[in-house]
Amino acid sequence: MNTNSTIPESFQGSMLSVSLTVKDLDKSLAWYTDVLGFTIDRRIERDGKLRGVALKAGDVRLSINQDDGAKGWDRIKGEGFSLRISTNQNVDEYANQIKAHGGILDSEPTDMPWGVRLFRLKDLDGFKFSISSDLPSKK
């Protein structure tokens, strides 16, 4: 709590979830579940039609929603934006699992100077992800 009443307390977020608009909901749903291994948390229907899906992987939450085309079907998605998911799992094994399910990596797992091992990939609409785990500390 801030004891100085003239300075506002800093924002205290408790969770960040992401919502992505995709061109083909069915294909994207298959990619996120079959390739990345997310599970379906909730389906969002409107007028009897599937419009979105809430997905989860551990504590990570991600929603994908069907593009309605109002801003044009050819608009570029995912530019200048990347989502990083941290995991305690072995990223090399996970990268191999993704490739075995038809996923294509933008970069193979690599040790980074800031102490993580990570790889990068894009979804079907070009949204960029990096998947990382902490490197074991050297003693």
C-alpha atoms as a PDB file:
ATOM      1  CA  MET A   1       0.000   0.000   0.000  1.00  0.00           C
ATOM      2  CA  ASN A   2       1.240   3.485  -0.831  1.00  0.00           C
ATOM      3  CA  THR A   3       1.587   5.646   2.281  1.00  0.00           C
ATOM      4  CA  ASN A   4       2.053   8.883   0.303  1.00  0.00           C
ATOM      5  CA  SER A   5      -1.471   9.912  -0.717  1.00  0.00           C
ATOM      6  CA  THR A   6      -0.221  12.196  -3.535  1.00  0.00           C
ATOM      7  CA  ILE A   7       1.321   9.320  -5.516  1.00  0.00           C
ATOM      8  CA  PRO A   8      -1.154   6.781  -6.861  1.00  0.00           C
ATOM      9  CA  GLU A   9      -0.524   3.133  -6.097  1.00  0.00           C
ATOM     10  CA  SER A  10       1.026   1.256  -9.012  1.00  0.00           C
ATOM     11  CA  PHE A  11      -1.143  -1.079 -11.046  1.00  0.00           C
ATOM     12  CA  GLN A  12      -1.300  -4.595  -9.568  1.00  0.00           C
ATOM     13  CA  GLY A  13      -2.355  -7.039 -12.277  1.00  0.00           C
ATOM     14  CA  SER A  14      -3.130 -10.576 -11.218  1.00  0.00           C
ATOM     15  CA  MET A  15      -3.256 -12.352 -14.586  1.00  0.00           C
ATOM     16  CA  LEU A  16      -2.776 -11.707 -18.286  1.00  0.00           C
ATOM     17  CA  SER A  17      -4.772 -13.597 -20.860  1.00  0.00           C
ATOM     18  CA  VAL A  18      -4.645 -13.152 -24.600  1.00  0.00           C
ATOM     19  CA  SER A  19      -7.361 -13.103 -27.234  1.00  0.00           C
ATOM     20  CA  LEU A  20      -6.398 -13.573 -30.888  1.00  0.00           C
ATOM     21  CA  THR A  21      -8.605 -13.074 -33.943  1.00  0.00           C
ATOM     22  CA  VAL A  22      -7.992 -15.863 -36.458  1.00  0.00           C
ATOM     23  CA  LYS A  23      -8.985 -16.367 -40.110  1.00  0.00           C
ATOM     24  CA  ASP A  24     -10.208 -19.970 -39.750  1.00  0.00           C
ATOM     25  CA  LEU A  25     -11.347 -20.924 -36.263  1.00  0.00           C
ATOM     26  CA  ASP A  26     -11.557 -24.668 -36.941  1.00  0.00           C
ATOM     27  CA  LYS A  27      -8.047 -24.869 -38.424  1.00  0.00           C
ATOM     28  CA  SER A  28      -6.591 -22.690 -35.661  1.00  0.00           C
ATOM     29  CA  LEU A  29      -8.325 -24.743 -32.978  1.00  0.00           C
ATOM     30  CA  ALA A  30      -6.786 -27.909 -34.415  1.00  0.00           C
ATOM     31  CA  TRP A  31      -3.338 -26.244 -34.534  1.00  0.00           C
ATOM     32  CA  TYR A  32      -3.461 -25.030 -30.926  1.00  0.00           C
ATOM     33  CA  THR A  33      -4.748 -28.354 -29.575  1.00  0.00           C
ATOM     34  CA  ASP A  34      -2.973 -30.874 -31.843  1.00  0.00           C
ATOM     35  CA  VAL A  35       0.326 -29.060 -32.437  1.00  0.00           C
ATOM     36  CA  LEU A  36       0.860 -27.023 -29.243  1.00  0.00           C
ATOM     37  CA  GLY A  37      -1.126 -29.257 -26.891  1.00  0.00           C
ATOM     38  CA  PHE A  38      -3.557 -26.704 -25.449  1.00  0.00           C
ATOM     39  CA  THR A  39      -6.861 -28.070 -24.142  1.00  0.00           C
ATOM     40  CA  ILE A  40     -10.311 -26.570 -24.601  1.00  0.00           C
ATOM     41  CA  ASP A  41     -11.558 -24.727 -21.540  1.00  0.00           C
ATOM     42  CA  ARG A  42     -14.755 -23.293 -23.023  1.00  0.00           C
ATOM     43  CA  ARG A  43     -16.505 -22.899 -26.383  1.00  0.00           C
ATOM     44  CA  ILE A  44     -18.140 -19.560 -27.192  1.00  0.00           C
ATOM     45  CA  GLU A  45     -21.212 -19.745 -29.420  1.00  0.00           C
ATOM     46  CA  ARG A  46     -23.388 -16.983 -30.786  1.00  0.00           C
ATOM     47  CA  ASP A  47     -26.611 -17.612 -32.720  1.00  0.00           C
ATOM     48  CA  GLY A  48     -25.828 -21.344 -32.691  1.00  0.00           C
ATOM     49  CA  LYS A  49     -22.448 -20.867 -34.357  1.00  0.00           C
ATOM     50  CA  LEU A  50     -19.002 -21.387 -32.813  1.00  0.00           C
ATOM     51  CA  ARG A  51     -17.386 -17.919 -32.625  1.00  0.00           C
ATOM     52  CA  GLY A  52     -14.494 -18.522 -30.241  1.00  0.00           C
ATOM     53  CA  VAL A  53     -12.721 -20.982 -27.992  1.00  0.00           C
ATOM     54  CA  ALA A  54     -11.013 -20.414 -24.642  1.00  0.00           C
ATOM     55  CA  LEU A  55      -7.909 -22.596 -24.392  1.00  0.00           C
ATOM     56  CA  LYS A  56      -5.591 -23.465 -21.526  1.00  0.00           C
ATOM     57  CA  ALA A  57      -2.182 -25.003 -20.940  1.00  0.00           C
ATOM     58  CA  GLY A  58      -1.312 -25.065 -17.262  1.00  0.00           C
ATOM     59  CA  ASP A  59      -1.731 -21.481 -15.993  1.00  0.00           C
ATOM     60  CA  VAL A  60      -1.652 -20.029 -19.529  1.00  0.00           C
ATOM     61  CA  ARG A  61      -4.983 -18.886 -20.959  1.00  0.00           C
ATOM     62  CA  LEU A  62      -5.538 -18.045 -24.623  1.00  0.00           C
ATOM     63  CA  SER A  63      -8.709 -17.302 -26.555  1.00  0.00           C
ATOM     64  CA  ILE A  64      -9.090 -17.598 -30.307  1.00  0.00           C
ATOM     65  CA  ASN A  65     -11.981 -15.896 -32.067  1.00  0.00           C
ATOM     66  CA  GLN A  66     -13.282 -16.132 -35.620  1.00  0.00           C
ATOM     67  CA  ASP A  67     -12.486 -13.043 -37.716  1.00  0.00           C
ATOM     68  CA  ASP A  68     -15.691 -11.546 -39.117  1.00  0.00           C
ATOM     69  CA  GLY A  69     -13.876  -9.972 -42.073  1.00  0.00           C
ATOM     70  CA  ALA A  70     -15.037  -6.452 -41.188  1.00  0.00           C
ATOM     71  CA  LYS A  71     -11.446  -5.135 -41.408  1.00  0.00           C
ATOM     72  CA  GLY A  72     -10.638  -7.106 -44.553  1.00  0.00           C
ATOM     73  CA  TRP A  73      -9.615 -10.729 -44.955  1.00  0.00           C
ATOM     74  CA  ASP A  74      -6.055  -9.908 -46.001  1.00  0.00           C
ATOM     75  CA  ARG A  75      -5.067  -7.750 -43.046  1.00  0.00           C
ATOM     76  CA  ILE A  76      -1.714  -8.696 -41.546  1.00  0.00           C
ATOM     77  CA  LYS A  77      -1.844 -10.216 -38.083  1.00  0.00           C
ATOM     78  CA  GLY A  78       0.885 -10.752 -35.534  1.00  0.00           C
ATOM     79  CA  GLU A  79       3.388  -8.147 -36.789  1.00  0.00           C
ATOM     80  CA  GLY A  80       5.544  -6.547 -34.103  1.00  0.00           C
ATOM     81  CA  PHE A  81       4.035  -8.739 -31.433  1.00  0.00           C
ATOM     82  CA  SER A  82       5.223 -11.922 -29.748  1.00  0.00           C
ATOM     83  CA  LEU A  83       3.910 -13.996 -26.870  1.00  0.00           C
ATOM     84  CA  ARG A  84       6.374 -15.749 -24.589  1.00  0.00           C
ATOM     85  CA  ILE A  85       5.244 -18.801 -22.682  1.00  0.00           C
ATOM     86  CA  SER A  86       7.494 -20.047 -19.900  1.00  0.00           C
ATOM     87  CA  THR A  87       7.433 -23.675 -18.843  1.00  0.00           C
ATOM     88  CA  ASN A  88       9.208 -25.986 -16.425  1.00  0.00           C
ATOM     89  CA  GLN A  89       9.103 -28.716 -19.074  1.00  0.00           C
ATOM     90  CA  ASN A  90      12.023 -29.646 -21.322  1.00  0.00           C
ATOM     91  CA  VAL A  91      11.749 -27.257 -24.296  1.00  0.00           C
ATOM     92  CA  ASP A  92      13.754 -29.565 -26.572  1.00  0.00           C
ATOM     93  CA  GLU A  93      11.287 -32.387 -26.003  1.00  0.00           C
ATOM     94  CA  TYR A  94       8.347 -30.006 -26.467  1.00  0.00           C
ATOM     95  CA  ALA A  95       9.832 -28.618 -29.704  1.00  0.00           C
ATOM     96  CA  ASN A  96      10.237 -32.179 -31.007  1.00  0.00           C
ATOM     97  CA  GLN A  97       6.638 -32.941 -30.042  1.00  0.00           C
ATOM     98  CA  ILE A  98       5.434 -29.863 -31.941  1.00  0.00           C
ATOM     99  CA  LYS A  99       7.402 -30.882 -35.046  1.00  0.00           C
ATOM    100  CA  ALA A 100       6.058 -34.443 -34.792  1.00  0.00           C
ATOM    101  CA  HIS A 101       2.532 -32.988 -34.930  1.00  0.00           C
ATOM    102  CA  GLY A 102       3.231 -30.932 -38.062  1.00  0.00           C
ATOM    103  CA  GLY A 103       4.349 -27.683 -36.448  1.00  0.00           C
ATOM    104  CA  ILE A 104       7.189 -25.690 -38.010  1.00  0.00           C
ATOM    105  CA  LEU A 105       9.664 -23.904 -35.763  1.00  0.00           C
ATOM    106  CA  ASP A 106      11.081 -20.509 -36.701  1.00  0.00           C
ATOM    107  CA  SER A 107      14.113 -21.311 -34.564  1.00  0.00           C
ATOM    108  CA  GLU A 108      15.350 -24.445 -32.845  1.00  0.00           C
ATOM    109  CA  PRO A 109      15.813 -24.487 -29.049  1.00  0.00           C
ATOM    110  CA  THR A 110      18.810 -22.325 -28.146  1.00  0.00           C
ATOM    111  CA  ASP A 111      20.452 -21.205 -24.900  1.00  0.00           C
ATOM    112  CA  MET A 112      20.054 -17.438 -24.580  1.00  0.00           C
ATOM    113  CA  PRO A 113      22.447 -15.094 -22.741  1.00  0.00           C
ATOM    114  CA  TRP A 114      19.706 -14.050 -20.290  1.00  0.00           C
ATOM    115  CA  GLY A 115      19.501 -17.570 -18.837  1.00  0.00           C
ATOM    116  CA  VAL A 116      16.695 -19.307 -20.716  1.00  0.00           C
ATOM    117  CA  ARG A 117      16.499 -21.927 -23.441  1.00  0.00           C
ATOM    118  CA  LEU A 118      13.887 -21.053 -26.039  1.00  0.00           C
ATOM    119  CA  PHE A 119      12.499 -21.694 -29.486  1.00  0.00           C
ATOM    120  CA  ARG A 120      10.174 -19.664 -31.678  1.00  0.00           C
ATOM    121  CA  LEU A 121       7.233 -20.484 -33.930  1.00  0.00           C
ATOM    122  CA  LYS A 122       4.162 -18.860 -35.540  1.00  0.00           C
ATOM    123  CA  ASP A 123       0.554 -19.962 -35.605  1.00  0.00           C
ATOM    124  CA  LEU A 124      -1.464 -20.273 -38.817  1.00  0.00           C
ATOM    125  CA  ASP A 125      -2.244 -16.514 -38.825  1.00  0.00           C
ATOM    126  CA  GLY A 126       1.338 -15.405 -38.171  1.00  0.00           C
ATOM    127  CA  PHE A 127       1.053 -14.741 -34.430  1.00  0.00           C
ATOM    128  CA  LYS A 128       4.517 -15.278 -32.964  1.00  0.00           C
ATOM    129  CA  PHE A 129       5.341 -17.353 -29.898  1.00  0.00           C
ATOM    130  CA  SER A 130       8.510 -18.091 -28.004  1.00  0.00           C
ATOM    131  CA  ILE A 131       8.525 -21.032 -25.635  1.00  0.00           C
ATOM    132  CA  SER A 132      11.196 -20.975 -22.935  1.00  0.00           C
ATOM    133  CA  SER A 133      12.431 -22.575 -19.762  1.00  0.00           C
ATOM    134  CA  ASP A 134      15.071 -21.423 -17.325  1.00  0.00           C
ATOM    135  CA  LEU A 135      18.529 -22.850 -17.789  1.00  0.00           C
ATOM    136  CA  PRO A 136      19.841 -24.829 -14.823  1.00  0.00           C
ATOM    137  CA  SER A 137      21.990 -22.603 -12.653  1.00  0.00           C
ATOM    138  CA  LYS A 138      25.693 -23.336 -12.748  1.00  0.00           C
ATOM    139  CA  LYS A 139      27.145 -24.017  -9.315  1.00  0.00           C
END
